[in-house]
Amino acid sequence: MEVAFTVLESELPLISRGDRVEVTPYSATVRPCHGKVSEINPLVDENGMVKVKASVEGNAGLFDGMNVRVSVKRSVDNVFVIPKTAVVMRSGKQVVFTLKDGKAMWNYITTGLENMTGYTVTGDGMEEGAQVIVTGNVNLAHEAPVKVVTATSSDKQ
């Protein structure tokens, strides 16, 4: 089965034939199904959109005209992915604070690809396994003492 969807022209360089997709119907009665991008029409319409098609394995309970959400999945090698909330600006540069020995340490970074919630990070500013500070970081200073607070079950409700 083929699923057609559109992407912004600016997102076209991020999609390639063969990329994995996850197709999730908005109705809760059908489970997500998987497939691959099969066709990209390079023609850009008047709204700046590009038509893309994906081949989905089986019919997975989908039918013509069904509203679905399509997520394109791509592996990105040799980069870190961090939440957008972790990135703050200092003197016009992107900074991520990490926790080291109870102190906030700032790390200059360069962001790359992004989605709604995260950035890929390239460059020398990050180390694998570092604890990234994602909240309360707007007014932090380098080497400021930090107290880690974990949410209790009552805070999450």
N, C-alpha and C. Protein backbone atom coordinates (compact mmCIF):
# COMPACT_ATOMS: atom_id res chain seq x y z
N MET A 1 0.85 -1.18 0.00
CA MET A 1 0.00 0.00 0.00
C MET A 1 0.89 1.24 0.00
N GLU A 2 0.44 2.28 -0.71
CA GLU A 2 1.18 3.53 -0.76
C GLU A 2 0.47 4.59 0.07
N VAL A 3 1.26 5.39 0.78
CA VAL A 3 0.75 6.50 1.56
C VAL A 3 1.39 7.77 1.01
N ALA A 4 0.57 8.76 0.69
CA ALA A 4 1.07 10.03 0.16
C ALA A 4 1.01 11.08 1.27
N PHE A 5 2.05 11.92 1.32
CA PHE A 5 2.08 13.02 2.29
C PHE A 5 2.91 14.15 1.70
N THR A 6 2.89 15.30 2.35
CA THR A 6 3.66 16.45 1.87
C THR A 6 4.63 16.90 2.95
N VAL A 7 5.73 17.49 2.51
CA VAL A 7 6.72 18.07 3.42
C VAL A 7 7.06 19.47 2.92
N LEU A 8 7.56 20.29 3.81
CA LEU A 8 8.00 21.62 3.43
C LEU A 8 9.22 21.53 2.52
N GLU A 9 9.32 22.45 1.59
CA GLU A 9 10.47 22.47 0.69
C GLU A 9 11.79 22.51 1.47
N SER A 10 11.82 23.24 2.59
CA SER A 10 13.04 23.35 3.39
C SER A 10 13.43 22.02 4.04
N GLU A 11 12.47 21.09 4.15
CA GLU A 11 12.76 19.78 4.75
C GLU A 11 13.18 18.74 3.71
N LEU A 12 13.07 19.08 2.44
CA LEU A 12 13.38 18.14 1.37
C LEU A 12 14.79 17.56 1.46
N PRO A 13 15.82 18.36 1.81
CA PRO A 13 17.17 17.78 1.92
C PRO A 13 17.30 16.73 3.03
N LEU A 14 16.34 16.69 3.94
CA LEU A 14 16.40 15.75 5.07
C LEU A 14 15.76 14.41 4.75
N ILE A 15 15.13 14.28 3.58
CA ILE A 15 14.42 13.05 3.23
C ILE A 15 15.05 12.43 1.99
N SER A 16 15.21 11.12 2.03
CA SER A 16 15.77 10.40 0.89
C SER A 16 14.93 9.16 0.60
N ARG A 17 14.94 8.72 -0.64
CA ARG A 17 14.29 7.44 -0.97
C ARG A 17 14.92 6.36 -0.11
N GLY A 18 14.08 5.50 0.42
CA GLY A 18 14.57 4.41 1.25
C GLY A 18 14.53 4.71 2.74
N ASP A 19 14.33 5.99 3.14
CA ASP A 19 14.21 6.31 4.56
C ASP A 19 13.02 5.57 5.16
N ARG A 20 13.17 5.12 6.39
CA ARG A 20 12.08 4.43 7.09
C ARG A 20 11.00 5.43 7.48
N VAL A 21 9.74 4.99 7.45
CA VAL A 21 8.63 5.81 7.90
C VAL A 21 7.77 5.02 8.88
N GLU A 22 7.13 5.75 9.77
CA GLU A 22 6.12 5.17 10.66
C GLU A 22 4.83 5.90 10.37
N VAL A 23 3.79 5.15 10.04
CA VAL A 23 2.49 5.73 9.70
C VAL A 23 1.53 5.40 10.83
N THR A 24 1.00 6.45 11.47
CA THR A 24 0.10 6.27 12.60
C THR A 24 -1.24 6.91 12.30
N PRO A 25 -2.30 6.12 12.19
CA PRO A 25 -3.63 6.69 11.97
C PRO A 25 -4.07 7.51 13.19
N TYR A 26 -4.82 8.56 12.93
CA TYR A 26 -5.33 9.38 14.03
C TYR A 26 -6.40 8.62 14.81
N SER A 27 -7.05 7.64 14.18
CA SER A 27 -8.02 6.83 14.92
C SER A 27 -7.24 5.86 15.80
N ALA A 28 -7.68 5.69 17.02
CA ALA A 28 -6.95 4.87 17.99
C ALA A 28 -7.16 3.37 17.77
N THR A 29 -7.94 3.00 16.77
CA THR A 29 -8.27 1.58 16.58
C THR A 29 -7.26 0.84 15.74
N VAL A 30 -6.34 1.55 15.10
CA VAL A 30 -5.37 0.91 14.21
C VAL A 30 -3.96 1.19 14.73
N ARG A 31 -3.13 0.17 14.77
CA ARG A 31 -1.75 0.32 15.24
C ARG A 31 -0.88 0.98 14.17
N PRO A 32 0.23 1.60 14.60
CA PRO A 32 1.16 2.17 13.62
C PRO A 32 1.72 1.08 12.71
N CYS A 33 2.04 1.46 11.47
CA CYS A 33 2.67 0.53 10.55
C CYS A 33 3.93 1.18 10.00
N HIS A 34 4.75 0.37 9.35
CA HIS A 34 6.06 0.85 8.92
C HIS A 34 6.25 0.63 7.42
N GLY A 35 7.13 1.42 6.86
CA GLY A 35 7.45 1.30 5.45
C GLY A 35 8.66 2.12 5.11
N LYS A 36 8.78 2.46 3.82
CA LYS A 36 9.94 3.23 3.34
C LYS A 36 9.50 4.26 2.32
N VAL A 37 10.21 5.39 2.28
CA VAL A 37 9.95 6.42 1.27
C VAL A 37 10.25 5.80 -0.09
N SER A 38 9.26 5.86 -0.98
CA SER A 38 9.41 5.24 -2.28
C SER A 38 9.54 6.25 -3.41
N GLU A 39 9.02 7.46 -3.20
CA GLU A 39 9.02 8.45 -4.29
C GLU A 39 9.00 9.85 -3.71
N ILE A 40 9.81 10.73 -4.30
CA ILE A 40 9.81 12.15 -3.92
C ILE A 40 9.64 12.95 -5.19
N ASN A 41 8.56 13.71 -5.27
CA ASN A 41 8.31 14.56 -6.42
C ASN A 41 8.99 15.90 -6.16
N PRO A 42 10.03 16.26 -6.91
CA PRO A 42 10.78 17.49 -6.62
C PRO A 42 10.04 18.78 -6.95
N LEU A 43 8.84 18.68 -7.54
CA LEU A 43 8.06 19.86 -7.88
C LEU A 43 7.50 20.49 -6.61
N VAL A 44 7.74 21.77 -6.43
CA VAL A 44 7.26 22.50 -5.25
C VAL A 44 5.97 23.22 -5.62
N ASP A 45 4.92 23.02 -4.80
CA ASP A 45 3.65 23.68 -5.12
C ASP A 45 3.65 25.13 -4.64
N GLU A 46 2.54 25.84 -4.88
CA GLU A 46 2.45 27.27 -4.55
C GLU A 46 2.53 27.55 -3.05
N ASN A 47 2.35 26.51 -2.21
CA ASN A 47 2.44 26.67 -0.75
C ASN A 47 3.80 26.25 -0.20
N GLY A 48 4.75 25.94 -1.09
CA GLY A 48 6.07 25.53 -0.65
C GLY A 48 6.13 24.09 -0.17
N MET A 49 5.20 23.25 -0.65
CA MET A 49 5.13 21.87 -0.22
C MET A 49 5.58 20.93 -1.34
N VAL A 50 6.15 19.79 -0.94
CA VAL A 50 6.63 18.77 -1.87
C VAL A 50 5.90 17.47 -1.57
N LYS A 51 5.43 16.77 -2.62
CA LYS A 51 4.71 15.51 -2.43
C LYS A 51 5.69 14.34 -2.30
N VAL A 52 5.41 13.48 -1.33
CA VAL A 52 6.25 12.31 -1.05
C VAL A 52 5.33 11.11 -0.93
N LYS A 53 5.81 9.94 -1.38
CA LYS A 53 5.05 8.70 -1.21
C LYS A 53 5.90 7.70 -0.46
N ALA A 54 5.22 6.87 0.33
CA ALA A 54 5.90 5.80 1.06
C ALA A 54 5.17 4.50 0.82
N SER A 55 5.91 3.43 0.65
CA SER A 55 5.33 2.09 0.54
C SER A 55 5.25 1.53 1.95
N VAL A 56 4.04 1.11 2.32
CA VAL A 56 3.79 0.57 3.66
C VAL A 56 3.62 -0.93 3.56
N GLU A 57 4.22 -1.65 4.50
CA GLU A 57 4.15 -3.11 4.52
C GLU A 57 2.73 -3.57 4.82
N GLY A 58 2.14 -4.39 3.92
CA GLY A 58 0.77 -4.85 4.10
C GLY A 58 -0.20 -3.69 4.02
N ASN A 59 -1.46 -3.92 4.39
CA ASN A 59 -2.40 -2.78 4.40
C ASN A 59 -2.58 -2.25 5.81
N ALA A 60 -2.20 -3.02 6.83
CA ALA A 60 -2.16 -2.59 8.23
C ALA A 60 -3.43 -1.88 8.68
N GLY A 61 -4.56 -2.20 8.08
CA GLY A 61 -5.81 -1.59 8.49
C GLY A 61 -6.03 -0.19 7.96
N LEU A 62 -5.17 0.26 7.05
CA LEU A 62 -5.33 1.58 6.46
C LEU A 62 -6.25 1.50 5.26
N PHE A 63 -6.95 2.60 4.97
CA PHE A 63 -7.77 2.65 3.77
C PHE A 63 -7.67 4.03 3.16
N ASP A 64 -8.00 4.12 1.86
CA ASP A 64 -7.90 5.39 1.14
C ASP A 64 -8.69 6.48 1.84
N GLY A 65 -8.08 7.65 1.97
CA GLY A 65 -8.74 8.80 2.57
C GLY A 65 -8.57 8.90 4.08
N MET A 66 -7.94 7.90 4.69
CA MET A 66 -7.74 7.91 6.15
C MET A 66 -6.70 8.96 6.52
N ASN A 67 -6.96 9.73 7.58
CA ASN A 67 -6.00 10.71 8.06
C ASN A 67 -4.95 10.01 8.92
N VAL A 68 -3.68 10.23 8.57
CA VAL A 68 -2.57 9.59 9.28
C VAL A 68 -1.47 10.61 9.57
N ARG A 69 -0.64 10.27 10.53
CA ARG A 69 0.57 11.04 10.81
C ARG A 69 1.73 10.20 10.29
N VAL A 70 2.62 10.82 9.49
CA VAL A 70 3.77 10.10 8.95
C VAL A 70 5.03 10.69 9.56
N SER A 71 5.84 9.84 10.18
CA SER A 71 7.13 10.25 10.74
C SER A 71 8.23 9.58 9.95
N VAL A 72 9.14 10.39 9.43
CA VAL A 72 10.28 9.85 8.70
C VAL A 72 11.39 9.62 9.71
N LYS A 73 11.93 8.40 9.71
CA LYS A 73 12.97 8.01 10.66
C LYS A 73 14.29 7.92 9.93
N ARG A 74 15.29 8.57 10.47
CA ARG A 74 16.61 8.53 9.85
C ARG A 74 17.66 8.37 10.93
N SER A 75 18.60 7.48 10.70
CA SER A 75 19.73 7.32 11.61
C SER A 75 20.75 8.40 11.31
N VAL A 76 21.26 9.00 12.36
CA VAL A 76 22.29 10.02 12.21
C VAL A 76 23.49 9.56 13.01
N ASP A 77 24.61 9.36 12.34
CA ASP A 77 25.81 8.84 13.00
C ASP A 77 26.68 9.94 13.57
N ASN A 78 27.36 9.60 14.67
CA ASN A 78 28.40 10.45 15.27
C ASN A 78 27.91 11.83 15.72
N VAL A 79 26.69 11.91 16.21
CA VAL A 79 26.17 13.15 16.78
C VAL A 79 25.39 12.82 18.05
N PHE A 80 25.23 13.80 18.90
CA PHE A 80 24.39 13.68 20.07
C PHE A 80 23.05 14.32 19.74
N VAL A 81 22.00 13.84 20.37
CA VAL A 81 20.69 14.46 20.26
C VAL A 81 20.31 14.94 21.65
N ILE A 82 20.00 16.23 21.76
CA ILE A 82 19.65 16.81 23.05
C ILE A 82 18.32 17.54 22.94
N PRO A 83 17.59 17.67 24.06
CA PRO A 83 16.33 18.44 24.02
C PRO A 83 16.60 19.91 23.70
N LYS A 84 15.69 20.53 23.01
CA LYS A 84 15.83 21.95 22.68
C LYS A 84 15.90 22.81 23.93
N THR A 85 15.24 22.37 25.00
CA THR A 85 15.24 23.16 26.23
C THR A 85 16.62 23.23 26.87
N ALA A 86 17.55 22.38 26.46
CA ALA A 86 18.90 22.38 27.02
C ALA A 86 19.77 23.49 26.44
N VAL A 87 19.39 24.04 25.29
CA VAL A 87 20.22 25.02 24.60
C VAL A 87 19.84 26.44 25.03
N VAL A 88 20.85 27.19 25.49
CA VAL A 88 20.65 28.60 25.84
C VAL A 88 21.69 29.42 25.07
N MET A 89 21.44 30.71 24.95
CA MET A 89 22.37 31.59 24.24
C MET A 89 23.19 32.39 25.24
N ARG A 90 24.49 32.45 25.01
CA ARG A 90 25.40 33.27 25.80
C ARG A 90 26.31 34.02 24.82
N SER A 91 26.25 35.34 24.86
CA SER A 91 27.06 36.19 23.97
C SER A 91 26.92 35.77 22.51
N GLY A 92 25.68 35.45 22.12
CA GLY A 92 25.39 35.10 20.74
C GLY A 92 25.82 33.70 20.33
N LYS A 93 26.25 32.88 21.30
CA LYS A 93 26.67 31.52 20.99
C LYS A 93 25.77 30.53 21.72
N GLN A 94 25.60 29.35 21.12
CA GLN A 94 24.79 28.30 21.72
C GLN A 94 25.60 27.58 22.80
N VAL A 95 24.95 27.42 23.96
CA VAL A 95 25.60 26.80 25.11
C VAL A 95 24.67 25.73 25.69
N VAL A 96 25.27 24.63 26.12
CA VAL A 96 24.55 23.60 26.87
C VAL A 96 25.27 23.44 28.20
N PHE A 97 24.50 23.45 29.29
CA PHE A 97 25.09 23.22 30.61
C PHE A 97 25.03 21.75 30.94
N THR A 98 26.15 21.24 31.44
CA THR A 98 26.20 19.86 31.92
C THR A 98 26.54 19.88 33.39
N LEU A 99 26.22 18.81 34.07
CA LEU A 99 26.47 18.70 35.50
C LEU A 99 27.76 17.94 35.73
N LYS A 100 28.67 18.55 36.48
CA LYS A 100 29.94 17.88 36.81
C LYS A 100 30.32 18.25 38.23
N ASP A 101 30.42 17.25 39.09
CA ASP A 101 30.80 17.44 40.49
C ASP A 101 29.92 18.49 41.18
N GLY A 102 28.60 18.45 40.90
CA GLY A 102 27.67 19.36 41.55
C GLY A 102 27.68 20.77 41.01
N LYS A 103 28.36 20.99 39.89
CA LYS A 103 28.43 22.33 39.30
C LYS A 103 27.96 22.30 37.85
N ALA A 104 27.42 23.44 37.42
CA ALA A 104 27.00 23.60 36.02
C ALA A 104 28.20 24.02 35.20
N MET A 105 28.50 23.24 34.18
CA MET A 105 29.63 23.55 33.30
C MET A 105 29.07 23.89 31.92
N TRP A 106 29.46 25.05 31.39
CA TRP A 106 28.92 25.35 30.08
C TRP A 106 29.81 24.82 28.99
N ASN A 107 29.14 24.43 27.90
CA ASN A 107 29.80 23.81 26.76
C ASN A 107 29.30 24.51 25.51
N TYR A 108 30.22 25.11 24.75
CA TYR A 108 29.82 25.70 23.48
C TYR A 108 29.52 24.56 22.51
N ILE A 109 28.43 24.70 21.79
CA ILE A 109 28.01 23.65 20.86
C ILE A 109 27.62 24.26 19.53
N THR A 110 27.47 23.39 18.54
CA THR A 110 26.90 23.77 17.25
C THR A 110 25.77 22.80 16.99
N THR A 111 24.56 23.33 16.80
CA THR A 111 23.43 22.46 16.52
C THR A 111 23.35 22.19 15.03
N GLY A 112 22.77 21.03 14.72
CA GLY A 112 22.60 20.64 13.32
C GLY A 112 21.14 20.42 13.03
N LEU A 113 20.80 19.19 12.68
CA LEU A 113 19.42 18.85 12.37
C LEU A 113 18.54 19.06 13.60
N GLU A 114 17.26 19.30 13.38
CA GLU A 114 16.35 19.47 14.49
C GLU A 114 14.99 18.90 14.14
N ASN A 115 14.24 18.56 15.18
CA ASN A 115 12.83 18.23 15.01
C ASN A 115 12.08 19.08 16.02
N MET A 116 10.85 18.72 16.35
CA MET A 116 10.06 19.57 17.25
C MET A 116 10.64 19.65 18.65
N THR A 117 11.35 18.62 19.09
CA THR A 117 11.79 18.58 20.49
C THR A 117 13.29 18.58 20.69
N GLY A 118 14.08 18.29 19.65
CA GLY A 118 15.51 18.16 19.87
C GLY A 118 16.38 18.66 18.74
N TYR A 119 17.67 18.78 19.06
CA TYR A 119 18.70 19.15 18.11
C TYR A 119 19.75 18.05 18.06
N THR A 120 20.39 17.91 16.91
CA THR A 120 21.63 17.15 16.88
C THR A 120 22.73 18.14 17.22
N VAL A 121 23.76 17.66 17.90
CA VAL A 121 24.86 18.51 18.34
C VAL A 121 26.15 17.97 17.74
N THR A 122 26.89 18.86 17.10
CA THR A 122 28.18 18.47 16.54
C THR A 122 29.27 19.30 17.20
N GLY A 123 30.48 18.94 16.97
CA GLY A 123 31.59 19.71 17.51
C GLY A 123 32.15 19.08 18.77
N ASP A 124 33.05 19.80 19.41
CA ASP A 124 33.79 19.27 20.55
C ASP A 124 33.17 19.63 21.89
N GLY A 125 32.02 20.29 21.90
CA GLY A 125 31.47 20.79 23.15
C GLY A 125 30.84 19.77 24.07
N MET A 126 30.60 18.55 23.61
CA MET A 126 29.90 17.58 24.44
C MET A 126 30.70 16.29 24.56
N GLU A 127 30.48 15.61 25.70
CA GLU A 127 31.08 14.29 25.91
C GLU A 127 29.97 13.27 26.08
N GLU A 128 30.18 12.10 25.55
CA GLU A 128 29.20 11.03 25.69
C GLU A 128 28.99 10.70 27.16
N GLY A 129 27.72 10.56 27.56
CA GLY A 129 27.39 10.21 28.93
C GLY A 129 27.23 11.41 29.85
N ALA A 130 27.45 12.62 29.36
CA ALA A 130 27.33 13.82 30.19
C ALA A 130 25.89 14.01 30.62
N GLN A 131 25.69 14.51 31.85
CA GLN A 131 24.35 14.85 32.33
C GLN A 131 24.02 16.25 31.86
N VAL A 132 23.03 16.37 30.99
CA VAL A 132 22.66 17.65 30.41
C VAL A 132 21.55 18.28 31.25
N ILE A 133 21.72 19.56 31.57
CA ILE A 133 20.73 20.30 32.35
C ILE A 133 19.70 20.86 31.37
N VAL A 134 18.43 20.46 31.55
CA VAL A 134 17.40 20.83 30.57
C VAL A 134 16.37 21.81 31.11
N THR A 135 16.34 22.04 32.42
CA THR A 135 15.43 23.04 32.98
C THR A 135 16.19 23.88 34.00
N GLY A 136 15.70 25.09 34.23
CA GLY A 136 16.35 25.97 35.20
C GLY A 136 17.73 26.44 34.73
N ASN A 137 17.97 26.39 33.42
CA ASN A 137 19.30 26.69 32.90
C ASN A 137 19.44 28.09 32.32
N VAL A 138 18.36 28.84 32.24
CA VAL A 138 18.39 30.14 31.56
C VAL A 138 19.33 31.12 32.27
N ASN A 139 19.35 31.13 33.60
CA ASN A 139 20.17 32.09 34.34
C ASN A 139 21.40 31.46 34.97
N LEU A 140 21.76 30.26 34.55
CA LEU A 140 22.94 29.60 35.10
C LEU A 140 24.22 30.28 34.65
N ALA A 141 25.24 30.16 35.48
CA ALA A 141 26.57 30.64 35.13
C ALA A 141 27.53 29.46 35.18
N HIS A 142 28.66 29.60 34.52
CA HIS A 142 29.67 28.55 34.51
C HIS A 142 30.15 28.29 35.94
N GLU A 143 30.20 27.04 36.31
CA GLU A 143 30.64 26.56 37.63
C GLU A 143 29.70 26.95 38.77
N ALA A 144 28.46 27.34 38.45
CA ALA A 144 27.48 27.62 39.50
C ALA A 144 27.09 26.31 40.18
N PRO A 145 26.95 26.32 41.51
CA PRO A 145 26.51 25.09 42.18
C PRO A 145 25.09 24.74 41.76
N VAL A 146 24.85 23.45 41.58
CA VAL A 146 23.55 22.97 41.11
C VAL A 146 23.08 21.88 42.04
N LYS A 147 21.80 21.94 42.39
CA LYS A 147 21.17 20.89 43.17
C LYS A 147 20.19 20.18 42.25
N VAL A 148 20.35 18.88 42.10
CA VAL A 148 19.47 18.09 41.25
C VAL A 148 18.20 17.79 42.03
N VAL A 149 17.06 18.13 41.44
CA VAL A 149 15.76 17.88 42.05
C VAL A 149 15.02 16.91 41.15
N THR A 150 14.59 15.79 41.72
CA THR A 150 13.81 14.83 40.94
C THR A 150 12.34 15.02 41.26
N ALA A 151 11.52 14.87 40.25
CA ALA A 151 10.07 15.04 40.42
C ALA A 151 9.50 13.85 41.19
N THR A 152 8.62 14.14 42.12
CA THR A 152 7.92 13.07 42.83
C THR A 152 6.67 12.72 42.06
N SER A 153 6.03 11.62 42.42
CA SER A 153 4.83 11.20 41.70
C SER A 153 3.72 12.25 41.81
N SER A 154 3.66 13.00 42.91
CA SER A 154 2.63 14.02 43.05
C SER A 154 2.93 15.23 42.16
N ASP A 155 4.24 15.50 41.86
CA ASP A 155 4.60 16.60 40.98
C ASP A 155 4.21 16.32 39.54
N LYS A 156 4.19 15.05 39.16
CA LYS A 156 3.92 14.67 37.78
C LYS A 156 2.44 14.71 37.45
N GLN A 157 1.59 14.77 38.44
CA GLN A 157 0.15 14.74 38.17
C GLN A 157 -0.40 16.11 37.89
